[in-house]
Amino acid sequence: FWLAEKNRKGIVILVNKWDLVEKDTMTTRDYERKIRE
């Protein structure tokens, strides 16, 4: 991520294999919050 940022590239984060993750109502929100931190 920081290599792309240092090169001043546009960045999109794709969390793949989402079908394999056990989900509850807060999963995506918590996961996203952790990445942003």
ModelCIF file with pLDDT and N, C-alpha, C, O atoms, coordinates in Angstrom:
data_MODEL
#
_entry.id   MODEL 
#
_entity.id                         1 
_entity.type                       polymer 
_entity.pdbx_number_of_molecules   1 
#
_entity_poly.entity_id                      1 
_entity_poly.type                           'polypeptide(L)' 
_entity_poly.nstd_linkage                   no 
_entity_poly.nstd_monomer                   no 
_entity_poly.pdbx_seq_one_letter_code       FWLAEKNRKGIVILVNKWDLVEKDTMTTRDYERKIRE 
_entity_poly.pdbx_seq_one_letter_code_can   FWLAEKNRKGIVILVNKWDLVEKDTMTTRDYERKIRE 
_entity_poly.pdbx_strand_id                 A 
#
loop_
_entity_poly_seq.entity_id 
_entity_poly_seq.num 
_entity_poly_seq.mon_id 
_entity_poly_seq.hetero 
1 1  PHE n 
1 2  TRP n 
1 3  LEU n 
1 4  ALA n 
1 5  GLU n 
1 6  LYS n 
1 7  ASN n 
1 8  ARG n 
1 9  LYS n 
1 10 GLY n 
1 11 ILE n 
1 12 VAL n 
1 13 ILE n 
1 14 LEU n 
1 15 VAL n 
1 16 ASN n 
1 17 LYS n 
1 18 TRP n 
1 19 ASP n 
1 20 LEU n 
1 21 VAL n 
1 22 GLU n 
1 23 LYS n 
1 24 ASP n 
1 25 THR n 
1 26 MET n 
1 27 THR n 
1 28 THR n 
1 29 ARG n 
1 30 ASP n 
1 31 TYR n 
1 32 GLU n 
1 33 ARG n 
1 34 LYS n 
1 35 ILE n 
1 36 ARG n 
1 37 GLU n 
#
_struct_asym.id          A 
_struct_asym.entity_id   1 
#
loop_
_ma_qa_metric.id 
_ma_qa_metric.mode 
_ma_qa_metric.name 
_ma_qa_metric.software_group_id 
_ma_qa_metric.type 
1 global pLDDT . pLDDT 
2 local  pLDDT . pLDDT 
#
_ma_qa_metric_global.metric_id      1 
_ma_qa_metric_global.metric_value   88.14 
_ma_qa_metric_global.model_id       1 
_ma_qa_metric_global.ordinal_id     1 
#
loop_
_ma_qa_metric_local.label_asym_id 
_ma_qa_metric_local.label_comp_id 
_ma_qa_metric_local.label_seq_id 
_ma_qa_metric_local.metric_id 
_ma_qa_metric_local.metric_value 
_ma_qa_metric_local.model_id 
_ma_qa_metric_local.ordinal_id 
A PHE 1  2 88.00 1 1  
A TRP 2  2 85.00 1 2  
A LEU 3  2 83.00 1 3  
A ALA 4  2 89.00 1 4  
A GLU 5  2 90.00 1 5  
A LYS 6  2 86.00 1 6  
A ASN 7  2 88.00 1 7  
A ARG 8  2 91.00 1 8  
A LYS 9  2 93.00 1 9  
A GLY 10 2 95.00 1 10 
A ILE 11 2 95.00 1 11 
A VAL 12 2 96.00 1 12 
A ILE 13 2 96.00 1 13 
A LEU 14 2 94.00 1 14 
A VAL 15 2 94.00 1 15 
A ASN 16 2 92.00 1 16 
A LYS 17 2 89.00 1 17 
A TRP 18 2 89.00 1 18 
A ASP 19 2 87.00 1 19 
A LEU 20 2 86.00 1 20 
A VAL 21 2 83.00 1 21 
A GLU 22 2 81.00 1 22 
A LYS 23 2 76.00 1 23 
A ASP 24 2 75.00 1 24 
A THR 25 2 66.00 1 25 
A MET 26 2 71.00 1 26 
A THR 27 2 85.00 1 27 
A THR 28 2 89.00 1 28 
A ARG 29 2 89.00 1 29 
A ASP 30 2 91.00 1 30 
A TYR 31 2 91.00 1 31 
A GLU 32 2 93.00 1 32 
A ARG 33 2 93.00 1 33 
A LYS 34 2 93.00 1 34 
A ILE 35 2 93.00 1 35 
A ARG 36 2 93.00 1 36 
A GLU 37 2 93.00 1 37 
#
loop_
_atom_site.group_PDB 
_atom_site.id 
_atom_site.type_symbol 
_atom_site.label_atom_id 
_atom_site.label_alt_id 
_atom_site.label_comp_id 
_atom_site.label_asym_id 
_atom_site.label_entity_id 
_atom_site.label_seq_id 
_atom_site.pdbx_PDB_ins_code 
_atom_site.Cartn_x 
_atom_site.Cartn_y 
_atom_site.Cartn_z 
_atom_site.occupancy 
_atom_site.B_iso_or_equiv 
_atom_site.pdbx_formal_charge 
_atom_site.auth_seq_id 
_atom_site.auth_comp_id 
_atom_site.auth_asym_id 
_atom_site.auth_atom_id 
_atom_site.pdbx_PDB_model_num 
ATOM 1   N N  . PHE A 1 1  ? 0.845   -1.209  0.000  1.00 88.00 ? 1  PHE A N  1 
ATOM 2   C CA . PHE A 1 1  ? 0.000   0.000   0.000  1.00 88.00 ? 1  PHE A CA 1 
ATOM 3   C C  . PHE A 1 1  ? 0.877   1.255   0.000  1.00 88.00 ? 1  PHE A C  1 
ATOM 4   O O  . PHE A 1 1  ? 0.654   2.175   -0.787 1.00 88.00 ? 1  PHE A O  1 
ATOM 5   N N  . TRP A 1 2  ? 1.887   1.285   0.898  1.00 85.00 ? 2  TRP A N  1 
ATOM 6   C CA . TRP A 1 2  ? 2.725   2.489   1.002  1.00 85.00 ? 2  TRP A CA 1 
ATOM 7   C C  . TRP A 1 2  ? 3.637   2.646   -0.206 1.00 85.00 ? 2  TRP A C  1 
ATOM 8   O O  . TRP A 1 2  ? 4.012   3.762   -0.567 1.00 85.00 ? 2  TRP A O  1 
ATOM 9   N N  . LEU A 1 3  ? 3.999   1.513   -0.839 1.00 83.00 ? 3  LEU A N  1 
ATOM 10  C CA . LEU A 1 3  ? 4.808   1.612   -2.058 1.00 83.00 ? 3  LEU A CA 1 
ATOM 11  C C  . LEU A 1 3  ? 3.985   2.300   -3.158 1.00 83.00 ? 3  LEU A C  1 
ATOM 12  O O  . LEU A 1 3  ? 4.492   3.169   -3.867 1.00 83.00 ? 3  LEU A O  1 
ATOM 13  N N  . ALA A 1 4  ? 2.706   1.900   -3.294 1.00 89.00 ? 4  ALA A N  1 
ATOM 14  C CA . ALA A 1 4  ? 1.825   2.525   -4.293 1.00 89.00 ? 4  ALA A CA 1 
ATOM 15  C C  . ALA A 1 4  ? 1.594   3.994   -3.942 1.00 89.00 ? 4  ALA A C  1 
ATOM 16  O O  . ALA A 1 4  ? 1.579   4.855   -4.822 1.00 89.00 ? 4  ALA A O  1 
ATOM 17  N N  . GLU A 1 5  ? 1.414   4.273   -2.644 1.00 90.00 ? 5  GLU A N  1 
ATOM 18  C CA . GLU A 1 5  ? 1.159   5.663   -2.207 1.00 90.00 ? 5  GLU A CA 1 
ATOM 19  C C  . GLU A 1 5  ? 2.382   6.537   -2.475 1.00 90.00 ? 5  GLU A C  1 
ATOM 20  O O  . GLU A 1 5  ? 2.255   7.678   -2.917 1.00 90.00 ? 5  GLU A O  1 
ATOM 21  N N  . LYS A 1 6  ? 3.575   5.987   -2.201 1.00 86.00 ? 6  LYS A N  1 
ATOM 22  C CA . LYS A 1 6  ? 4.807   6.755   -2.397 1.00 86.00 ? 6  LYS A CA 1 
ATOM 23  C C  . LYS A 1 6  ? 5.016   7.058   -3.884 1.00 86.00 ? 6  LYS A C  1 
ATOM 24  O O  . LYS A 1 6  ? 5.576   8.094   -4.242 1.00 86.00 ? 6  LYS A O  1 
ATOM 25  N N  . ASN A 1 7  ? 4.557   6.137   -4.746 1.00 88.00 ? 7  ASN A N  1 
ATOM 26  C CA . ASN A 1 7  ? 4.642   6.355   -6.191 1.00 88.00 ? 7  ASN A CA 1 
ATOM 27  C C  . ASN A 1 7  ? 3.502   7.225   -6.710 1.00 88.00 ? 7  ASN A C  1 
ATOM 28  O O  . ASN A 1 7  ? 3.387   7.456   -7.914 1.00 88.00 ? 7  ASN A O  1 
ATOM 29  N N  . ARG A 1 8  ? 2.661   7.708   -5.795 1.00 91.00 ? 8  ARG A N  1 
ATOM 30  C CA . ARG A 1 8  ? 1.543   8.608   -6.143 1.00 91.00 ? 8  ARG A CA 1 
ATOM 31  C C  . ARG A 1 8  ? 0.556   7.964   -7.112 1.00 91.00 ? 8  ARG A C  1 
ATOM 32  O O  . ARG A 1 8  ? 0.101   8.610   -8.057 1.00 91.00 ? 8  ARG A O  1 
ATOM 33  N N  . LYS A 1 9  ? 0.224   6.691   -6.881 1.00 93.00 ? 9  LYS A N  1 
ATOM 34  C CA . LYS A 1 9  ? -0.749  5.992   -7.722 1.00 93.00 ? 9  LYS A CA 1 
ATOM 35  C C  . LYS A 1 9  ? -2.128  6.033   -7.067 1.00 93.00 ? 9  LYS A C  1 
ATOM 36  O O  . LYS A 1 9  ? -2.246  6.144   -5.847 1.00 93.00 ? 9  LYS A O  1 
ATOM 37  N N  . GLY A 1 10 ? -3.167  5.943   -7.896 1.00 95.00 ? 10 GLY A N  1 
ATOM 38  C CA . GLY A 1 10 ? -4.504  5.755   -7.340 1.00 95.00 ? 10 GLY A CA 1 
ATOM 39  C C  . GLY A 1 10 ? -4.561  4.387   -6.687 1.00 95.00 ? 10 GLY A C  1 
ATOM 40  O O  . GLY A 1 10 ? -3.915  3.449   -7.155 1.00 95.00 ? 10 GLY A O  1 
ATOM 41  N N  . ILE A 1 11 ? -5.331  4.259   -5.603 1.00 95.00 ? 11 ILE A N  1 
ATOM 42  C CA . ILE A 1 11 ? -5.378  2.980   -4.879 1.00 95.00 ? 11 ILE A CA 1 
ATOM 43  C C  . ILE A 1 11 ? -6.827  2.598   -4.570 1.00 95.00 ? 11 ILE A C  1 
ATOM 44  O O  . ILE A 1 11 ? -7.618  3.416   -4.100 1.00 95.00 ? 11 ILE A O  1 
ATOM 45  N N  . VAL A 1 12 ? -7.155  1.320   -4.850 1.00 96.00 ? 12 VAL A N  1 
ATOM 46  C CA . VAL A 1 12 ? -8.429  0.739   -4.420 1.00 96.00 ? 12 VAL A CA 1 
ATOM 47  C C  . VAL A 1 12 ? -8.077  -0.542  -3.665 1.00 96.00 ? 12 VAL A C  1 
ATOM 48  O O  . VAL A 1 12 ? -7.319  -1.371  -4.169 1.00 96.00 ? 12 VAL A O  1 
ATOM 49  N N  . ILE A 1 13 ? -8.624  -0.706  -2.461 1.00 96.00 ? 13 ILE A N  1 
ATOM 50  C CA . ILE A 1 13 ? -8.361  -1.929  -1.690 1.00 96.00 ? 13 ILE A CA 1 
ATOM 51  C C  . ILE A 1 13 ? -9.520  -2.903  -1.900 1.00 96.00 ? 13 ILE A C  1 
ATOM 52  O O  . ILE A 1 13 ? -10.678 -2.567  -1.649 1.00 96.00 ? 13 ILE A O  1 
ATOM 53  N N  . LEU A 1 14 ? -9.195  -4.122  -2.368 1.00 94.00 ? 14 LEU A N  1 
ATOM 54  C CA . LEU A 1 14 ? -10.211 -5.159  -2.581 1.00 94.00 ? 14 LEU A CA 1 
ATOM 55  C C  . LEU A 1 14 ? -9.984  -6.282  -1.575 1.00 94.00 ? 14 LEU A C  1 
ATOM 56  O O  . LEU A 1 14 ? -8.950  -6.950  -1.597 1.00 94.00 ? 14 LEU A O  1 
ATOM 57  N N  . VAL A 1 15 ? -10.961 -6.481  -0.695 1.00 94.00 ? 15 VAL A N  1 
ATOM 58  C CA . VAL A 1 15 ? -10.866 -7.578  0.276  1.00 94.00 ? 15 VAL A CA 1 
ATOM 59  C C  . VAL A 1 15 ? -11.469 -8.809  -0.397 1.00 94.00 ? 15 VAL A C  1 
ATOM 60  O O  . VAL A 1 15 ? -12.689 -8.954  -0.468 1.00 94.00 ? 15 VAL A O  1 
ATOM 61  N N  . ASN A 1 16 ? -10.594 -9.700  -0.893 1.00 92.00 ? 16 ASN A N  1 
ATOM 62  C CA . ASN A 1 16 ? -11.042 -10.871 -1.665 1.00 92.00 ? 16 ASN A CA 1 
ATOM 63  C C  . ASN A 1 16 ? -11.352 -12.057 -0.736 1.00 92.00 ? 16 ASN A C  1 
ATOM 64  O O  . ASN A 1 16 ? -11.003 -12.040 0.445  1.00 92.00 ? 16 ASN A O  1 
ATOM 65  N N  . LYS A 1 17 ? -12.009 -13.078 -1.287 1.00 89.00 ? 17 LYS A N  1 
ATOM 66  C CA . LYS A 1 17 ? -12.406 -14.295 -0.550 1.00 89.00 ? 17 LYS A CA 1 
ATOM 67  C C  . LYS A 1 17 ? -13.394 -13.951 0.569  1.00 89.00 ? 17 LYS A C  1 
ATOM 68  O O  . LYS A 1 17 ? -13.420 -14.604 1.613  1.00 89.00 ? 17 LYS A O  1 
ATOM 69  N N  . TRP A 1 18 ? -14.201 -12.919 0.334  1.00 89.00 ? 18 TRP A N  1 
ATOM 70  C CA . TRP A 1 18 ? -15.173 -12.486 1.347  1.00 89.00 ? 18 TRP A CA 1 
ATOM 71  C C  . TRP A 1 18 ? -16.236 -13.561 1.596  1.00 89.00 ? 18 TRP A C  1 
ATOM 72  O O  . TRP A 1 18 ? -16.872 -13.586 2.650  1.00 89.00 ? 18 TRP A O  1 
ATOM 73  N N  . ASP A 1 19 ? -16.419 -14.456 0.604  1.00 87.00 ? 19 ASP A N  1 
ATOM 74  C CA . ASP A 1 19 ? -17.402 -15.537 0.754  1.00 87.00 ? 19 ASP A CA 1 
ATOM 75  C C  . ASP A 1 19 ? -16.957 -16.562 1.792  1.00 87.00 ? 19 ASP A C  1 
ATOM 76  O O  . ASP A 1 19 ? -17.772 -17.351 2.269  1.00 87.00 ? 19 ASP A O  1 
ATOM 77  N N  . LEU A 1 20 ? -15.663 -16.560 2.149  1.00 86.00 ? 20 LEU A N  1 
ATOM 78  C CA . LEU A 1 20 ? -15.147 -17.557 3.103  1.00 86.00 ? 20 LEU A CA 1 
ATOM 79  C C  . LEU A 1 20 ? -15.183 -17.072 4.553  1.00 86.00 ? 20 LEU A C  1 
ATOM 80  O O  . LEU A 1 20 ? -14.854 -17.821 5.472  1.00 86.00 ? 20 LEU A O  1 
ATOM 81  N N  . VAL A 1 21 ? -15.587 -15.811 4.752  1.00 83.00 ? 21 VAL A N  1 
ATOM 82  C CA . VAL A 1 21 ? -15.529 -15.223 6.099  1.00 83.00 ? 21 VAL A CA 1 
ATOM 83  C C  . VAL A 1 21 ? -16.878 -15.358 6.800  1.00 83.00 ? 21 VAL A C  1 
ATOM 84  O O  . VAL A 1 21 ? -17.925 -15.057 6.226  1.00 83.00 ? 21 VAL A O  1 
ATOM 85  N N  . GLU A 1 22 ? -16.831 -15.823 8.070  1.00 81.00 ? 22 GLU A N  1 
ATOM 86  C CA . GLU A 1 22 ? -18.053 -15.873 8.889  1.00 81.00 ? 22 GLU A CA 1 
ATOM 87  C C  . GLU A 1 22 ? -18.516 -14.445 9.155  1.00 81.00 ? 22 GLU A C  1 
ATOM 88  O O  . GLU A 1 22 ? -17.728 -13.609 9.598  1.00 81.00 ? 22 GLU A O  1 
ATOM 89  N N  . LYS A 1 23 ? -19.784 -14.163 8.889  1.00 76.00 ? 23 LYS A N  1 
ATOM 90  C CA . LYS A 1 23 ? -20.234 -12.774 8.992  1.00 76.00 ? 23 LYS A CA 1 
ATOM 91  C C  . LYS A 1 23 ? -21.273 -12.582 10.080 1.00 76.00 ? 23 LYS A C  1 
ATOM 92  O O  . LYS A 1 23 ? -22.080 -13.468 10.362 1.00 76.00 ? 23 LYS A O  1 
ATOM 93  N N  . ASP A 1 24 ? -21.233 -11.394 10.687 1.00 75.00 ? 24 ASP A N  1 
ATOM 94  C CA . ASP A 1 24 ? -22.354 -10.941 11.508 1.00 75.00 ? 24 ASP A CA 1 
ATOM 95  C C  . ASP A 1 24 ? -22.620 -9.495  11.092 1.00 75.00 ? 24 ASP A C  1 
ATOM 96  O O  . ASP A 1 24 ? -21.987 -8.997  10.161 1.00 75.00 ? 24 ASP A O  1 
ATOM 97  N N  . THR A 1 25 ? -23.527 -8.831  11.754 1.00 66.00 ? 25 THR A N  1 
ATOM 98  C CA . THR A 1 25 ? -23.970 -7.507  11.288 1.00 66.00 ? 25 THR A CA 1 
ATOM 99  C C  . THR A 1 25 ? -22.841 -6.479  11.250 1.00 66.00 ? 25 THR A C  1 
ATOM 100 O O  . THR A 1 25 ? -22.894 -5.536  10.462 1.00 66.00 ? 25 THR A O  1 
ATOM 101 N N  . MET A 1 26 ? -21.824 -6.649  12.087 1.00 71.00 ? 26 MET A N  1 
ATOM 102 C CA . MET A 1 26 ? -20.776 -5.635  12.179 1.00 71.00 ? 26 MET A CA 1 
ATOM 103 C C  . MET A 1 26 ? -19.509 -5.983  11.387 1.00 71.00 ? 26 MET A C  1 
ATOM 104 O O  . MET A 1 26 ? -18.566 -5.192  11.356 1.00 71.00 ? 26 MET A O  1 
ATOM 105 N N  . THR A 1 27 ? -19.478 -7.159  10.748 1.00 85.00 ? 27 THR A N  1 
ATOM 106 C CA . THR A 1 27 ? -18.214 -7.635  10.177 1.00 85.00 ? 27 THR A CA 1 
ATOM 107 C C  . THR A 1 27 ? -17.576 -6.637  9.221  1.00 85.00 ? 27 THR A C  1 
ATOM 108 O O  . THR A 1 27 ? -16.424 -6.252  9.418  1.00 85.00 ? 27 THR A O  1 
ATOM 109 N N  . THR A 1 28 ? -18.309 -6.203  8.175  1.00 89.00 ? 28 THR A N  1 
ATOM 110 C CA . THR A 1 28 ? -17.695 -5.319  7.168  1.00 89.00 ? 28 THR A CA 1 
ATOM 111 C C  . THR A 1 28 ? -17.256 -4.002  7.805  1.00 89.00 ? 28 THR A C  1 
ATOM 112 O O  . THR A 1 28 ? -16.178 -3.485  7.513  1.00 89.00 ? 28 THR A O  1 
ATOM 113 N N  . ARG A 1 29 ? -18.113 -3.469  8.683  1.00 89.00 ? 29 ARG A N  1 
ATOM 114 C CA . ARG A 1 29 ? -17.780 -2.170  9.292  1.00 89.00 ? 29 ARG A CA 1 
ATOM 115 C C  . ARG A 1 29 ? -16.497 -2.282  10.138 1.00 89.00 ? 29 ARG A C  1 
ATOM 116 O O  . ARG A 1 29 ? -15.610 -1.433  10.060 1.00 89.00 ? 29 ARG A O  1 
ATOM 117 N N  . ASP A 1 30 ? -16.425 -3.351  10.946 1.00 91.00 ? 30 ASP A N  1 
ATOM 118 C CA . ASP A 1 30 ? -15.241 -3.546  11.801 1.00 91.00 ? 30 ASP A CA 1 
ATOM 119 C C  . ASP A 1 30 ? -13.987 -3.770  10.959 1.00 91.00 ? 30 ASP A C  1 
ATOM 120 O O  . ASP A 1 30 ? -12.925 -3.211  11.233 1.00 91.00 ? 30 ASP A O  1 
ATOM 121 N N  . TYR A 1 31 ? -14.136 -4.596  9.933  1.00 91.00 ? 31 TYR A N  1 
ATOM 122 C CA . TYR A 1 31 ? -13.009 -4.936  9.060  1.00 91.00 ? 31 TYR A CA 1 
ATOM 123 C C  . TYR A 1 31 ? -12.484 -3.675  8.382  1.00 91.00 ? 31 TYR A C  1 
ATOM 124 O O  . TYR A 1 31 ? -11.278 -3.434  8.322  1.00 91.00 ? 31 TYR A O  1 
ATOM 125 N N  . GLU A 1 32 ? -13.422 -2.876  7.871  1.00 93.00 ? 32 GLU A N  1 
ATOM 126 C CA . GLU A 1 32 ? -13.042 -1.639  7.179  1.00 93.00 ? 32 GLU A CA 1 
ATOM 127 C C  . GLU A 1 32 ? -12.364 -0.662  8.147  1.00 93.00 ? 32 GLU A C  1 
ATOM 128 O O  . GLU A 1 32 ? -11.374 -0.017  7.802  1.00 93.00 ? 32 GLU A O  1 
ATOM 129 N N  . ARG A 1 33 ? -12.914 -0.566  9.364  1.00 93.00 ? 33 ARG A N  1 
ATOM 130 C CA . ARG A 1 33 ? -12.343 0.353   10.358 1.00 93.00 ? 33 ARG A CA 1 
ATOM 131 C C  . ARG A 1 33 ? -10.891 -0.029  10.674 1.00 93.00 ? 33 ARG A C  1 
ATOM 132 O O  . ARG A 1 33 ? -10.018 0.831   10.787 1.00 93.00 ? 33 ARG A O  1 
ATOM 133 N N  . LYS A 1 34 ? -10.653 -1.356  10.816 1.00 93.00 ? 34 LYS A N  1 
ATOM 134 C CA . LYS A 1 34 ? -9.293  -1.822  11.121 1.00 93.00 ? 34 LYS A CA 1 
ATOM 135 C C  . LYS A 1 34 ? -8.319  -1.450  10.006 1.00 93.00 ? 34 LYS A C  1 
ATOM 136 O O  . LYS A 1 34 ? -7.205  -1.000  10.271 1.00 93.00 ? 34 LYS A O  1 
ATOM 137 N N  . ILE A 1 35 ? -8.750  -1.641  8.750  1.00 93.00 ? 35 ILE A N  1 
ATOM 138 C CA . ILE A 1 35 ? -7.874  -1.306  7.617  1.00 93.00 ? 35 ILE A CA 1 
ATOM 139 C C  . ILE A 1 35 ? -7.576  0.188   7.626  1.00 93.00 ? 35 ILE A C  1 
ATOM 140 O O  . ILE A 1 35 ? -6.429  0.594   7.435  1.00 93.00 ? 35 ILE A O  1 
ATOM 141 N N  . ARG A 1 36 ? -8.600  1.007   7.846  1.00 93.00 ? 36 ARG A N  1 
ATOM 142 C CA . ARG A 1 36 ? -8.390  2.468   7.820  1.00 93.00 ? 36 ARG A CA 1 
ATOM 143 C C  . ARG A 1 36 ? -7.449  2.909   8.943  1.00 93.00 ? 36 ARG A C  1 
ATOM 144 O O  . ARG A 1 36 ? -6.681  3.858   8.783  1.00 93.00 ? 36 ARG A O  1 
ATOM 145 N N  . GLU A 1 37 ? -7.517  2.214   10.074 1.00 93.00 ? 37 GLU A N  1 
ATOM 146 C CA . GLU A 1 37 ? -6.573  2.533   11.166 1.00 93.00 ? 37 GLU A CA 1 
ATOM 147 C C  . GLU A 1 37 ? -5.132  2.236   10.729 1.00 93.00 ? 37 GLU A C  1 
ATOM 148 O O  . GLU A 1 37 ? -4.198  2.438   11.504 1.00 93.00 ? 37 GLU A O  1 
#
